[in-house]
Amino acid sequence: MPASVVLALVAPVSVPLPGPVRLVRSGRGCPACLDSYCFNPAECLHFLMVNVWADCDQCDGSGWSEEGSLSLFCEGCAGSGLVEYWPYSLPAGGVSDRAKARHAGHVVRLRTRVASVAVAA
């Protein structure tokens, strides 16, 4: 009997998944473009500098998703913990110190990338 006929007679075995599959990003996203790696750091830096940023209301600024979610990081802020607000729609407590520190960290990271691109060119 040819091998192709033998293989056709064997029923496919279905293996159940152990549980829900999580969608995993390679890292936390940029608050401006929501990508884990900014393809245009100068544009993201400008966007971060001219707009008001505060804690994400979905994850309370932690950047982590809720229990039972298929994603590891919050889908509202891509794990950055920051979202853009209009100046008149800020949360009642204003911008937290934690959000200010995260925002400053993103700005420093993007300034370093913009400077390294300018030196390389």
PDB file of N, CA and C in Angstrom:
ATOM      1  N   MET A   1       0.859  -1.170   0.000  1.00  0.00           N
ATOM      2  CA  MET A   1       0.000   0.000   0.000  1.00  0.00           C
ATOM      3  C   MET A   1       0.912   1.243   0.000  1.00  0.00           C
ATOM      4  N   PRO A   2       0.638   2.215  -0.877  1.00  0.00           N
ATOM      5  CA  PRO A   2       1.467   3.426  -0.901  1.00  0.00           C
ATOM      6  C   PRO A   2       1.328   4.213   0.398  1.00  0.00           C
ATOM      7  N   ALA A   3       2.388   4.958   0.728  1.00  0.00           N
ATOM      8  CA  ALA A   3       2.411   5.726   1.983  1.00  0.00           C
ATOM      9  C   ALA A   3       1.323   6.784   2.028  1.00  0.00           C
ATOM     10  N   SER A   4       0.965   7.394   0.889  1.00  0.00           N
ATOM     11  CA  SER A   4      -0.063   8.442   0.888  1.00  0.00           C
ATOM     12  C   SER A   4      -1.425   7.885   1.293  1.00  0.00           C
ATOM     13  N   VAL A   5      -1.688   6.637   0.928  1.00  0.00           N
ATOM     14  CA  VAL A   5      -2.953   6.020   1.304  1.00  0.00           C
ATOM     15  C   VAL A   5      -2.969   5.703   2.794  1.00  0.00           C
ATOM     16  N   VAL A   6      -1.830   5.264   3.333  1.00  0.00           N
ATOM     17  CA  VAL A   6      -1.748   4.934   4.760  1.00  0.00           C
ATOM     18  C   VAL A   6      -1.956   6.188   5.598  1.00  0.00           C
ATOM     19  N   LEU A   7      -1.342   7.290   5.189  1.00  0.00           N
ATOM     20  CA  LEU A   7      -1.495   8.534   5.941  1.00  0.00           C
ATOM     21  C   LEU A   7      -2.917   9.055   5.885  1.00  0.00           C
ATOM     22  N   ALA A   8      -3.610   8.820   4.783  1.00  0.00           N
ATOM     23  CA  ALA A   8      -4.977   9.285   4.652  1.00  0.00           C
ATOM     24  C   ALA A   8      -5.918   8.515   5.568  1.00  0.00           C
ATOM     25  N   LEU A   9      -5.570   7.281   5.920  1.00  0.00           N
ATOM     26  CA  LEU A   9      -6.439   6.473   6.762  1.00  0.00           C
ATOM     27  C   LEU A   9      -6.317   6.808   8.249  1.00  0.00           C
ATOM     28  N   VAL A  10      -5.236   7.472   8.632  1.00  0.00           N
ATOM     29  CA  VAL A  10      -5.033   7.811  10.039  1.00  0.00           C
ATOM     30  C   VAL A  10      -5.840   9.064  10.373  1.00  0.00           C
ATOM     31  N   ALA A  11      -6.655   9.000  11.388  1.00  0.00           N
ATOM     32  CA  ALA A  11      -7.469  10.145  11.783  1.00  0.00           C
ATOM     33  C   ALA A  11      -6.598  11.188  12.480  1.00  0.00           C
ATOM     34  N   PRO A  12      -6.802  12.469  12.188  1.00  0.00           N
ATOM     35  CA  PRO A  12      -6.017  13.507  12.858  1.00  0.00           C
ATOM     36  C   PRO A  12      -6.353  13.553  14.349  1.00  0.00           C
ATOM     37  N   VAL A  13      -5.340  13.771  15.136  1.00  0.00           N
ATOM     38  CA  VAL A  13      -5.524  13.836  16.583  1.00  0.00           C
ATOM     39  C   VAL A  13      -5.613  15.304  16.984  1.00  0.00           C
ATOM     40  N   SER A  14      -6.625  15.657  17.704  1.00  0.00           N
ATOM     41  CA  SER A  14      -6.783  17.029  18.162  1.00  0.00           C
ATOM     42  C   SER A  14      -6.355  17.107  19.616  1.00  0.00           C
ATOM     43  N   VAL A  15      -5.408  18.012  19.876  1.00  0.00           N
ATOM     44  CA  VAL A  15      -4.895  18.195  21.228  1.00  0.00           C
ATOM     45  C   VAL A  15      -5.507  19.473  21.792  1.00  0.00           C
ATOM     46  N   PRO A  16      -6.232  19.379  22.891  1.00  0.00           N
ATOM     47  CA  PRO A  16      -6.841  20.590  23.452  1.00  0.00           C
ATOM     48  C   PRO A  16      -5.773  21.513  24.045  1.00  0.00           C
ATOM     49  N   LEU A  17      -6.017  22.817  23.938  1.00  0.00           N
ATOM     50  CA  LEU A  17      -5.108  23.793  24.538  1.00  0.00           C
ATOM     51  C   LEU A  17      -5.254  23.753  26.053  1.00  0.00           C
ATOM     52  N   PRO A  18      -4.177  24.023  26.788  1.00  0.00           N
ATOM     53  CA  PRO A  18      -4.247  23.951  28.239  1.00  0.00           C
ATOM     54  C   PRO A  18      -5.104  25.046  28.859  1.00  0.00           C
ATOM     55  N   GLY A  19      -5.334  26.120  28.169  1.00  0.00           N
ATOM     56  CA  GLY A  19      -6.128  27.220  28.718  1.00  0.00           C
ATOM     57  C   GLY A  19      -6.153  28.354  27.721  1.00  0.00           C
ATOM     58  N   PRO A  20      -6.627  29.525  28.133  1.00  0.00           N
ATOM     59  CA  PRO A  20      -6.670  30.646  27.196  1.00  0.00           C
ATOM     60  C   PRO A  20      -5.260  31.089  26.796  1.00  0.00           C
ATOM     61  N   VAL A  21      -5.143  31.491  25.567  1.00  0.00           N
ATOM     62  CA  VAL A  21      -3.857  31.938  25.046  1.00  0.00           C
ATOM     63  C   VAL A  21      -3.756  33.442  25.234  1.00  0.00           C
ATOM     64  N   ARG A  22      -2.646  33.917  25.786  1.00  0.00           N
ATOM     65  CA  ARG A  22      -2.455  35.347  26.000  1.00  0.00           C
ATOM     66  C   ARG A  22      -1.769  35.969  24.799  1.00  0.00           C
ATOM     67  N   LEU A  23      -2.175  37.171  24.461  1.00  0.00           N
ATOM     68  CA  LEU A  23      -1.511  37.939  23.424  1.00  0.00           C
ATOM     69  C   LEU A  23      -0.376  38.700  24.089  1.00  0.00           C
ATOM     70  N   VAL A  24       0.845  38.447  23.678  1.00  0.00           N
ATOM     71  CA  VAL A  24       1.996  39.031  24.361  1.00  0.00           C
ATOM     72  C   VAL A  24       2.725  39.980  23.427  1.00  0.00           C
ATOM     73  N   ARG A  25       2.944  41.197  23.897  1.00  0.00           N
ATOM     74  CA  ARG A  25       3.755  42.172  23.179  1.00  0.00           C
ATOM     75  C   ARG A  25       5.199  41.955  23.565  1.00  0.00           C
ATOM     76  N   SER A  26       6.104  42.472  22.753  1.00  0.00           N
ATOM     77  CA  SER A  26       7.520  42.340  23.082  1.00  0.00           C
ATOM     78  C   SER A  26       7.927  43.290  24.202  1.00  0.00           C
ATOM     79  N   GLY A  27       7.125  44.279  24.490  1.00  0.00           N
ATOM     80  CA  GLY A  27       7.415  45.215  25.567  1.00  0.00           C
ATOM     81  C   GLY A  27       6.264  46.194  25.715  1.00  0.00           C
ATOM     82  N   ARG A  28       6.367  47.034  26.704  1.00  0.00           N
ATOM     83  CA  ARG A  28       5.336  48.056  26.907  1.00  0.00           C
ATOM     84  C   ARG A  28       5.361  49.031  25.748  1.00  0.00           C
ATOM     85  N   GLY A  29       4.210  49.544  25.403  1.00  0.00           N
ATOM     86  CA  GLY A  29       4.100  50.430  24.261  1.00  0.00           C
ATOM     87  C   GLY A  29       4.400  51.879  24.594  1.00  0.00           C
ATOM     88  N   CYS A  30       4.683  52.629  23.564  1.00  0.00           N
ATOM     89  CA  CYS A  30       4.860  54.077  23.668  1.00  0.00           C
ATOM     90  C   CYS A  30       3.478  54.690  23.864  1.00  0.00           C
ATOM     91  N   PRO A  31       3.320  55.653  24.768  1.00  0.00           N
ATOM     92  CA  PRO A  31       1.988  56.237  24.957  1.00  0.00           C
ATOM     93  C   PRO A  31       1.494  56.998  23.724  1.00  0.00           C
ATOM     94  N   ALA A  32       2.409  57.508  22.910  1.00  0.00           N
ATOM     95  CA  ALA A  32       2.000  58.310  21.751  1.00  0.00           C
ATOM     96  C   ALA A  32       1.548  57.451  20.583  1.00  0.00           C
ATOM     97  N   CYS A  33       2.338  56.446  20.195  1.00  0.00           N
ATOM     98  CA  CYS A  33       2.004  55.644  19.011  1.00  0.00           C
ATOM     99  C   CYS A  33       1.478  54.253  19.364  1.00  0.00           C
ATOM    100  N   LEU A  34       1.566  53.856  20.610  1.00  0.00           N
ATOM    101  CA  LEU A  34       1.096  52.567  21.132  1.00  0.00           C
ATOM    102  C   LEU A  34       1.875  51.368  20.596  1.00  0.00           C
ATOM    103  N   ASP A  35       2.995  51.590  19.911  1.00  0.00           N
ATOM    104  CA  ASP A  35       3.849  50.496  19.451  1.00  0.00           C
ATOM    105  C   ASP A  35       4.940  50.246  20.483  1.00  0.00           C
ATOM    106  N   SER A  36       5.459  49.021  20.525  1.00  0.00           N
ATOM    107  CA  SER A  36       6.529  48.731  21.473  1.00  0.00           C
ATOM    108  C   SER A  36       7.855  49.321  20.999  1.00  0.00           C
ATOM    109  N   TYR A  37       7.961  49.650  19.705  1.00  0.00           N
ATOM    110  CA  TYR A  37       9.149  50.317  19.176  1.00  0.00           C
ATOM    111  C   TYR A  37       8.681  51.451  18.272  1.00  0.00           C
ATOM    112  N   CYS A  38       8.986  52.679  18.646  1.00  0.00           N
ATOM    113  CA  CYS A  38       8.552  53.844  17.866  1.00  0.00           C
ATOM    114  C   CYS A  38       9.341  53.915  16.565  1.00  0.00           C
ATOM    115  N   PHE A  39       8.627  53.934  15.454  1.00  0.00           N
ATOM    116  CA  PHE A  39       9.301  54.044  14.162  1.00  0.00           C
ATOM    117  C   PHE A  39       9.637  55.488  13.825  1.00  0.00           C
ATOM    118  N   ASN A  40       8.964  56.445  14.458  1.00  0.00           N
ATOM    119  CA  ASN A  40       9.271  57.857  14.276  1.00  0.00           C
ATOM    120  C   ASN A  40       9.377  58.501  15.658  1.00  0.00           C
ATOM    121  N   PRO A  41      10.538  58.361  16.328  1.00  0.00           N
ATOM    122  CA  PRO A  41      10.656  58.864  17.697  1.00  0.00           C
ATOM    123  C   PRO A  41      10.510  60.377  17.807  1.00  0.00           C
ATOM    124  N   ALA A  42      10.878  61.118  16.774  1.00  0.00           N
ATOM    125  CA  ALA A  42      10.743  62.574  16.828  1.00  0.00           C
ATOM    126  C   ALA A  42       9.273  62.980  16.879  1.00  0.00           C
ATOM    127  N   GLU A  43       8.443  62.310  16.100  1.00  0.00           N
ATOM    128  CA  GLU A  43       7.017  62.613  16.108  1.00  0.00           C
ATOM    129  C   GLU A  43       6.391  62.245  17.457  1.00  0.00           C
ATOM    130  N   CYS A  44       6.768  61.089  18.000  1.00  0.00           N
ATOM    131  CA  CYS A  44       6.244  60.678  19.309  1.00  0.00           C
ATOM    132  C   CYS A  44       6.696  61.650  20.400  1.00  0.00           C
ATOM    133  N   LEU A  45       7.943  62.088  20.337  1.00  0.00           N
ATOM    134  CA  LEU A  45       8.461  63.043  21.321  1.00  0.00           C
ATOM    135  C   LEU A  45       7.672  64.349  21.254  1.00  0.00           C
ATOM    136  N   HIS A  46       7.444  64.844  20.057  1.00  0.00           N
ATOM    137  CA  HIS A  46       6.650  66.070  19.898  1.00  0.00           C
ATOM    138  C   HIS A  46       5.255  65.887  20.479  1.00  0.00           C
ATOM    139  N   PHE A  47       4.626  64.748  20.170  1.00  0.00           N
ATOM    140  CA  PHE A  47       3.276  64.470  20.646  1.00  0.00           C
ATOM    141  C   PHE A  47       3.244  64.393  22.173  1.00  0.00           C
ATOM    142  N   LEU A  48       4.287  63.817  22.782  1.00  0.00           N
ATOM    143  CA  LEU A  48       4.346  63.732  24.249  1.00  0.00           C
ATOM    144  C   LEU A  48       4.573  65.099  24.895  1.00  0.00           C
ATOM    145  N   MET A  49       5.268  65.980  24.186  1.00  0.00           N
ATOM    146  CA  MET A  49       5.602  67.282  24.774  1.00  0.00           C
ATOM    147  C   MET A  49       4.467  68.303  24.666  1.00  0.00           C
ATOM    148  N   VAL A  50       3.605  68.199  23.678  1.00  0.00           N
ATOM    149  CA  VAL A  50       2.585  69.228  23.479  1.00  0.00           C
ATOM    150  C   VAL A  50       1.224  68.856  24.071  1.00  0.00           C
ATOM    151  N   ASN A  51       1.046  67.627  24.520  1.00  0.00           N
ATOM    152  CA  ASN A  51      -0.239  67.193  25.058  1.00  0.00           C
ATOM    153  C   ASN A  51      -0.125  66.881  26.545  1.00  0.00           C
ATOM    154  N   VAL A  52      -1.269  66.819  27.204  1.00  0.00           N
ATOM    155  CA  VAL A  52      -1.325  66.510  28.635  1.00  0.00           C
ATOM    156  C   VAL A  52      -1.503  65.004  28.796  1.00  0.00           C
ATOM    157  N   TRP A  53      -0.657  64.387  29.615  1.00  0.00           N
ATOM    158  CA  TRP A  53      -0.687  62.943  29.826  1.00  0.00           C
ATOM    159  C   TRP A  53      -0.886  62.650  31.305  1.00  0.00           C
ATOM    160  N   ALA A  54      -1.742  61.687  31.608  1.00  0.00           N
ATOM    161  CA  ALA A  54      -2.001  61.299  33.003  1.00  0.00           C
ATOM    162  C   ALA A  54      -2.235  59.790  33.043  1.00  0.00           C
ATOM    163  N   ASP A  55      -2.501  59.267  34.242  1.00  0.00           N
ATOM    164  CA  ASP A  55      -2.712  57.828  34.425  1.00  0.00           C
ATOM    165  C   ASP A  55      -3.860  57.320  33.560  1.00  0.00           C
ATOM    166  N   CYS A  56      -3.670  56.143  33.006  1.00  0.00           N
ATOM    167  CA  CYS A  56      -4.717  55.474  32.235  1.00  0.00           C
ATOM    168  C   CYS A  56      -5.870  55.133  33.182  1.00  0.00           C
ATOM    169  N   ASP A  57      -7.089  55.402  32.742  1.00  0.00           N
ATOM    170  CA  ASP A  57      -8.236  55.118  33.604  1.00  0.00           C
ATOM    171  C   ASP A  57      -8.635  53.647  33.591  1.00  0.00           C
ATOM    172  N   GLN A  58      -8.175  52.872  32.602  1.00  0.00           N
ATOM    173  CA  GLN A  58      -8.520  51.445  32.559  1.00  0.00           C
ATOM    174  C   GLN A  58      -7.669  50.617  33.518  1.00  0.00           C
ATOM    175  N   CYS A  59      -6.375  50.977  33.660  1.00  0.00           N
ATOM    176  CA  CYS A  59      -5.481  50.181  34.512  1.00  0.00           C
ATOM    177  C   CYS A  59      -4.971  50.982  35.716  1.00  0.00           C
ATOM    178  N   ASP A  60      -5.481  52.171  35.923  1.00  0.00           N
ATOM    179  CA  ASP A  60      -5.056  53.070  37.009  1.00  0.00           C
ATOM    180  C   ASP A  60      -3.564  53.372  36.951  1.00  0.00           C
ATOM    181  N   GLY A  61      -3.015  53.371  35.735  1.00  0.00           N
ATOM    182  CA  GLY A  61      -1.612  53.740  35.557  1.00  0.00           C
ATOM    183  C   GLY A  61      -0.612  52.623  35.745  1.00  0.00           C
ATOM    184  N   SER A  62      -1.080  51.404  36.005  1.00  0.00           N
ATOM    185  CA  SER A  62      -0.125  50.306  36.217  1.00  0.00           C
ATOM    186  C   SER A  62       0.419  49.762  34.903  1.00  0.00           C
ATOM    187  N   GLY A  63      -0.375  49.827  33.846  1.00  0.00           N
ATOM    188  CA  GLY A  63       0.029  49.289  32.555  1.00  0.00           C
ATOM    189  C   GLY A  63      -0.329  47.824  32.364  1.00  0.00           C
ATOM    190  N   TRP A  64      -0.777  47.152  33.421  1.00  0.00           N
ATOM    191  CA  TRP A  64      -1.112  45.728  33.341  1.00  0.00           C
ATOM    192  C   TRP A  64      -2.589  45.556  33.024  1.00  0.00           C
ATOM    193  N   SER A  65      -2.921  44.468  32.336  1.00  0.00           N
ATOM    194  CA  SER A  65      -4.321  44.200  32.010  1.00  0.00           C
ATOM    195  C   SER A  65      -5.038  43.614  33.222  1.00  0.00           C
ATOM    196  N   GLU A  66      -6.350  43.530  33.094  1.00  0.00           N
ATOM    197  CA  GLU A  66      -7.156  42.953  34.166  1.00  0.00           C
ATOM    198  C   GLU A  66      -7.026  41.439  34.165  1.00  0.00           C
ATOM    199  N   GLU A  67      -7.354  40.820  35.269  1.00  0.00           N
ATOM    200  CA  GLU A  67      -7.361  39.356  35.350  1.00  0.00           C
ATOM    201  C   GLU A  67      -8.339  38.805  34.322  1.00  0.00           C
ATOM    202  N   GLY A  68      -7.948  37.751  33.669  1.00  0.00           N
ATOM    203  CA  GLY A  68      -8.817  37.110  32.701  1.00  0.00           C
ATOM    204  C   GLY A  68      -8.720  37.701  31.303  1.00  0.00           C
ATOM    205  N   SER A  69      -7.961  38.760  31.140  1.00  0.00           N
ATOM    206  CA  SER A  69      -7.793  39.344  29.817  1.00  0.00           C
ATOM    207  C   SER A  69      -6.814  38.504  29.002  1.00  0.00           C
ATOM    208  N   LEU A  70      -6.964  38.505  27.695  1.00  0.00           N
ATOM    209  CA  LEU A  70      -6.062  37.746  26.845  1.00  0.00           C
ATOM    210  C   LEU A  70      -4.753  38.475  26.596  1.00  0.00           C
ATOM    211  N   SER A  71      -4.665  39.727  26.973  1.00  0.00           N
ATOM    212  CA  SER A  71      -3.452  40.509  26.772  1.00  0.00           C
ATOM    213  C   SER A  71      -2.737  40.687  28.104  1.00  0.00           C
ATOM    214  N   LEU A  72      -1.432  40.715  28.076  1.00  0.00           N
ATOM    215  CA  LEU A  72      -0.640  40.913  29.287  1.00  0.00           C
ATOM    216  C   LEU A  72      -0.678  42.375  29.731  1.00  0.00           C
ATOM    217  N   PHE A  73      -0.591  43.294  28.750  1.00  0.00           N
ATOM    218  CA  PHE A  73      -0.602  44.718  29.054  1.00  0.00           C
ATOM    219  C   PHE A  73      -1.983  45.308  28.788  1.00  0.00           C
ATOM    220  N   CYS A  74      -2.253  46.423  29.441  1.00  0.00           N
ATOM    221  CA  CYS A  74      -3.525  47.131  29.276  1.00  0.00           C
ATOM    222  C   CYS A  74      -3.707  47.515  27.812  1.00  0.00           C
ATOM    223  N   GLU A  75      -4.896  47.287  27.293  1.00  0.00           N
ATOM    224  CA  GLU A  75      -5.158  47.610  25.895  1.00  0.00           C
ATOM    225  C   GLU A  75      -5.459  49.084  25.684  1.00  0.00           C
ATOM    226  N   GLY A  76      -5.797  49.803  26.741  1.00  0.00           N
ATOM    227  CA  GLY A  76      -6.082  51.231  26.620  1.00  0.00           C
ATOM    228  C   GLY A  76      -4.837  52.073  26.461  1.00  0.00           C
ATOM    229  N   CYS A  77      -3.740  51.642  27.080  1.00  0.00           N
ATOM    230  CA  CYS A  77      -2.502  52.430  27.039  1.00  0.00           C
ATOM    231  C   CYS A  77      -1.323  51.627  26.500  1.00  0.00           C
ATOM    232  N   ALA A  78      -1.544  50.401  26.068  1.00  0.00           N
ATOM    233  CA  ALA A  78      -0.503  49.507  25.536  1.00  0.00           C
ATOM    234  C   ALA A  78       0.596  49.232  26.553  1.00  0.00           C
ATOM    235  N   GLY A  79       0.264  49.362  27.825  1.00  0.00           N
ATOM    236  CA  GLY A  79       1.229  49.056  28.876  1.00  0.00           C
ATOM    237  C   GLY A  79       2.033  50.240  29.363  1.00  0.00           C
ATOM    238  N   SER A  80       1.843  51.407  28.773  1.00  0.00           N
ATOM    239  CA  SER A  80       2.626  52.571  29.200  1.00  0.00           C
ATOM    240  C   SER A  80       2.090  53.179  30.493  1.00  0.00           C
ATOM    241  N   GLY A  81       0.821  52.984  30.774  1.00  0.00           N
ATOM    242  CA  GLY A  81       0.210  53.557  31.972  1.00  0.00           C
ATOM    243  C   GLY A  81      -0.224  54.993  31.777  1.00  0.00           C
ATOM    244  N   LEU A  82      -0.009  55.555  30.593  1.00  0.00           N
ATOM    245  CA  LEU A  82      -0.350  56.948  30.310  1.00  0.00           C
ATOM    246  C   LEU A  82      -1.327  57.047  29.153  1.00  0.00           C
ATOM    247  N   VAL A  83      -2.248  57.973  29.255  1.00  0.00           N
ATOM    248  CA  VAL A  83      -3.135  58.300  28.144  1.00  0.00           C
ATOM    249  C   VAL A  83      -3.234  59.815  28.036  1.00  0.00           C
ATOM    250  N   GLU A  84      -3.580  60.268  26.854  1.00  0.00           N
ATOM    251  CA  GLU A  84      -3.700  61.706  26.597  1.00  0.00           C
ATOM    252  C   GLU A  84      -5.025  62.219  27.136  1.00  0.00           C
ATOM    253  N   TYR A  85      -4.989  63.379  27.748  1.00  0.00           N
ATOM    254  CA  TYR A  85      -6.197  64.038  28.248  1.00  0.00           C
ATOM    255  C   TYR A  85      -6.261  65.449  27.683  1.00  0.00           C
ATOM    256  N   TRP A  86      -7.473  65.930  27.529  1.00  0.00           N
ATOM    257  CA  TRP A  86      -7.641  67.346  27.243  1.00  0.00           C
ATOM    258  C   TRP A  86      -7.432  68.088  28.549  1.00  0.00           C
ATOM    259  N   PRO A  87      -6.900  69.288  28.523  1.00  0.00           N
ATOM    260  CA  PRO A  87      -6.629  69.996  29.786  1.00  0.00           C
ATOM    261  C   PRO A  87      -7.848  70.142  30.686  1.00  0.00           C
ATOM    262  N   TYR A  88      -9.047  70.290  30.120  1.00  0.00           N
ATOM    263  CA  TYR A  88     -10.248  70.460  30.947  1.00  0.00           C
ATOM    264  C   TYR A  88     -10.874  69.131  31.365  1.00  0.00           C
ATOM    265  N   SER A  89     -10.306  67.993  30.935  1.00  0.00           N
ATOM    266  CA  SER A  89     -10.900  66.704  31.288  1.00  0.00           C
ATOM    267  C   SER A  89      -9.970  65.851  32.156  1.00  0.00           C
ATOM    268  N   LEU A  90      -9.021  66.487  32.813  1.00  0.00           N
ATOM    269  CA  LEU A  90      -8.098  65.740  33.678  1.00  0.00           C
ATOM    270  C   LEU A  90      -8.844  65.086  34.832  1.00  0.00           C
ATOM    271  N   PRO A  91      -8.315  63.987  35.357  1.00  0.00           N
ATOM    272  CA  PRO A  91      -8.944  63.371  36.528  1.00  0.00           C
ATOM    273  C   PRO A  91      -9.004  64.352  37.695  1.00  0.00           C
ATOM    274  N   ALA A  92      -9.883  64.079  38.643  1.00  0.00           N
ATOM    275  CA  ALA A  92     -10.099  65.000  39.770  1.00  0.00           C
ATOM    276  C   ALA A  92      -8.816  65.291  40.531  1.00  0.00           C
ATOM    277  N   GLY A  93      -7.952  64.311  40.694  1.00  0.00           N
ATOM    278  CA  GLY A  93      -6.710  64.517  41.438  1.00  0.00           C
ATOM    279  C   GLY A  93      -5.601  65.152  40.615  1.00  0.00           C
ATOM    280  N   GLY A  94      -5.863  65.419  39.348  1.00  0.00           N
ATOM    281  CA  GLY A  94      -4.828  65.977  38.482  1.00  0.00           C
ATOM    282  C   GLY A  94      -3.866  64.882  38.028  1.00  0.00           C
ATOM    283  N   VAL A  95      -2.682  65.281  37.611  1.00  0.00           N
ATOM    284  CA  VAL A  95      -1.669  64.337  37.146  1.00  0.00           C
ATOM    285  C   VAL A  95      -0.868  63.866  38.359  1.00  0.00           C
ATOM    286  N   SER A  96      -0.815  62.560  38.575  1.00  0.00           N
ATOM    287  CA  SER A  96      -0.110  62.012  39.742  1.00  0.00           C
ATOM    288  C   SER A  96       1.402  62.107  39.555  1.00  0.00           C
ATOM    289  N   ASP A  97       2.131  62.029  40.662  1.00  0.00           N
ATOM    290  CA  ASP A  97       3.590  62.049  40.600  1.00  0.00           C
ATOM    291  C   ASP A  97       4.121  60.831  39.849  1.00  0.00           C
ATOM    292  N   ARG A  98       3.440  59.716  39.995  1.00  0.00           N
ATOM    293  CA  ARG A  98       3.828  58.488  39.292  1.00  0.00           C
ATOM    294  C   ARG A  98       3.700  58.666  37.775  1.00  0.00           C
ATOM    295  N   ALA A  99       2.610  59.322  37.341  1.00  0.00           N
ATOM    296  CA  ALA A  99       2.412  59.576  35.912  1.00  0.00           C
ATOM    297  C   ALA A  99       3.457  60.565  35.396  1.00  0.00           C
ATOM    298  N   LYS A 100       3.793  61.564  36.209  1.00  0.00           N
ATOM    299  CA  LYS A 100       4.826  62.526  35.808  1.00  0.00           C
ATOM    300  C   LYS A 100       6.172  61.832  35.634  1.00  0.00           C
ATOM    301  N   ALA A 101       6.488  60.908  36.516  1.00  0.00           N
ATOM    302  CA  ALA A 101       7.763  60.187  36.427  1.00  0.00           C
ATOM    303  C   ALA A 101       7.786  59.273  35.198  1.00  0.00           C
ATOM    304  N   ARG A 102       6.676  58.577  34.919  1.00  0.00           N
ATOM    305  CA  ARG A 102       6.610  57.728  33.725  1.00  0.00           C
ATOM    306  C   ARG A 102       6.713  58.559  32.455  1.00  0.00           C
ATOM    307  N   HIS A 103       6.034  59.709  32.440  1.00  0.00           N
ATOM    308  CA  HIS A 103       6.086  60.603  31.284  1.00  0.00           C
ATOM    309  C   HIS A 103       7.519  61.091  31.065  1.00  0.00           C
ATOM    310  N   ALA A 104       8.184  61.490  32.136  1.00  0.00           N
ATOM    311  CA  ALA A 104       9.575  61.953  32.027  1.00  0.00           C
ATOM    312  C   ALA A 104      10.480  60.839  31.505  1.00  0.00           C
ATOM    313  N   GLY A 105      10.247  59.601  31.933  1.00  0.00           N
ATOM    314  CA  GLY A 105      11.038  58.474  31.454  1.00  0.00           C
ATOM    315  C   GLY A 105      10.868  58.250  29.962  1.00  0.00           C
ATOM    316  N   HIS A 106       9.632  58.359  29.480  1.00  0.00           N
ATOM    317  CA  HIS A 106       9.385  58.209  28.040  1.00  0.00           C
ATOM    318  C   HIS A 106      10.047  59.339  27.263  1.00  0.00           C
ATOM    319  N   VAL A 107       9.980  60.559  27.784  1.00  0.00           N
ATOM    320  CA  VAL A 107      10.583  61.707  27.105  1.00  0.00           C
ATOM    321  C   VAL A 107      12.100  61.525  27.010  1.00  0.00           C
ATOM    322  N   VAL A 108      12.739  61.092  28.094  1.00  0.00           N
ATOM    323  CA  VAL A 108      14.195  60.874  28.084  1.00  0.00           C
ATOM    324  C   VAL A 108      14.555  59.785  27.083  1.00  0.00           C
ATOM    325  N   ARG A 109      13.802  58.697  27.078  1.00  0.00           N
ATOM    326  CA  ARG A 109      14.072  57.594  26.146  1.00  0.00           C
ATOM    327  C   ARG A 109      13.957  58.058  24.700  1.00  0.00           C
ATOM    328  N   LEU A 110      12.914  58.835  24.398  1.00  0.00           N
ATOM    329  CA  LEU A 110      12.723  59.303  23.025  1.00  0.00           C
ATOM    330  C   LEU A 110      13.758  60.356  22.638  1.00  0.00           C
ATOM    331  N   ARG A 111      14.139  61.231  23.574  1.00  0.00           N
ATOM    332  CA  ARG A 111      15.181  62.223  23.273  1.00  0.00           C
ATOM    333  C   ARG A 111      16.503  61.526  22.951  1.00  0.00           C
ATOM    334  N   THR A 112      16.816  60.468  23.668  1.00  0.00           N
ATOM    335  CA  THR A 112      18.042  59.702  23.404  1.00  0.00           C
ATOM    336  C   THR A 112      17.991  59.079  22.015  1.00  0.00           C
ATOM    337  N   ARG A 113      16.851  58.516  21.654  1.00  0.00           N
ATOM    338  CA  ARG A 113      16.717  57.917  20.322  1.00  0.00           C
ATOM    339  C   ARG A 113      16.800  58.958  19.220  1.00  0.00           C
ATOM    340  N   VAL A 114      16.181  60.131  19.425  1.00  0.00           N
ATOM    341  CA  VAL A 114      16.226  61.182  18.418  1.00  0.00           C
ATOM    342  C   VAL A 114      17.659  61.680  18.256  1.00  0.00           C
ATOM    343  N   ALA A 115      18.369  61.845  19.376  1.00  0.00           N
ATOM    344  CA  ALA A 115      19.759  62.301  19.317  1.00  0.00           C
ATOM    345  C   ALA A 115      20.658  61.271  18.627  1.00  0.00           C
ATOM    346  N   SER A 116      20.432  59.988  18.882  1.00  0.00           N
ATOM    347  CA  SER A 116      21.270  58.968  18.255  1.00  0.00           C
ATOM    348  C   SER A 116      21.014  58.887  16.753  1.00  0.00           C
ATOM    349  N   VAL A 117      19.785  59.123  16.320  1.00  0.00           N
ATOM    350  CA  VAL A 117      19.465  59.146  14.886  1.00  0.00           C
ATOM    351  C   VAL A 117      20.119  60.356  14.228  1.00  0.00           C
ATOM    352  N   ALA A 118      20.117  61.511  14.922  1.00  0.00           N
ATOM    353  CA  ALA A 118      20.711  62.723  14.367  1.00  0.00           C
ATOM    354  C   ALA A 118      22.220  62.576  14.242  1.00  0.00           C
ATOM    355  N   VAL A 119      22.875  61.929  15.211  1.00  0.00           N
ATOM    356  CA  VAL A 119      24.328  61.729  15.169  1.00  0.00           C
ATOM    357  C   VAL A 119      24.680  60.741  14.073  1.00  0.00           C
ATOM    358  N   ALA A 120      23.876  59.699  13.907  1.00  0.00           N
ATOM    359  CA  ALA A 120      24.158  58.672  12.899  1.00  0.00           C
ATOM    360  C   ALA A 120      23.996  59.211  11.471  1.00  0.00           C
ATOM    361  N   ALA A 121      23.146  60.213  11.318  1.00  0.00           N
ATOM    362  CA  ALA A 121      22.887  60.749   9.962  1.00  0.00           C
ATOM    363  C   ALA A 121      23.908  61.723   9.521  1.00  0.00           C
TER     364      ALA A 121
END
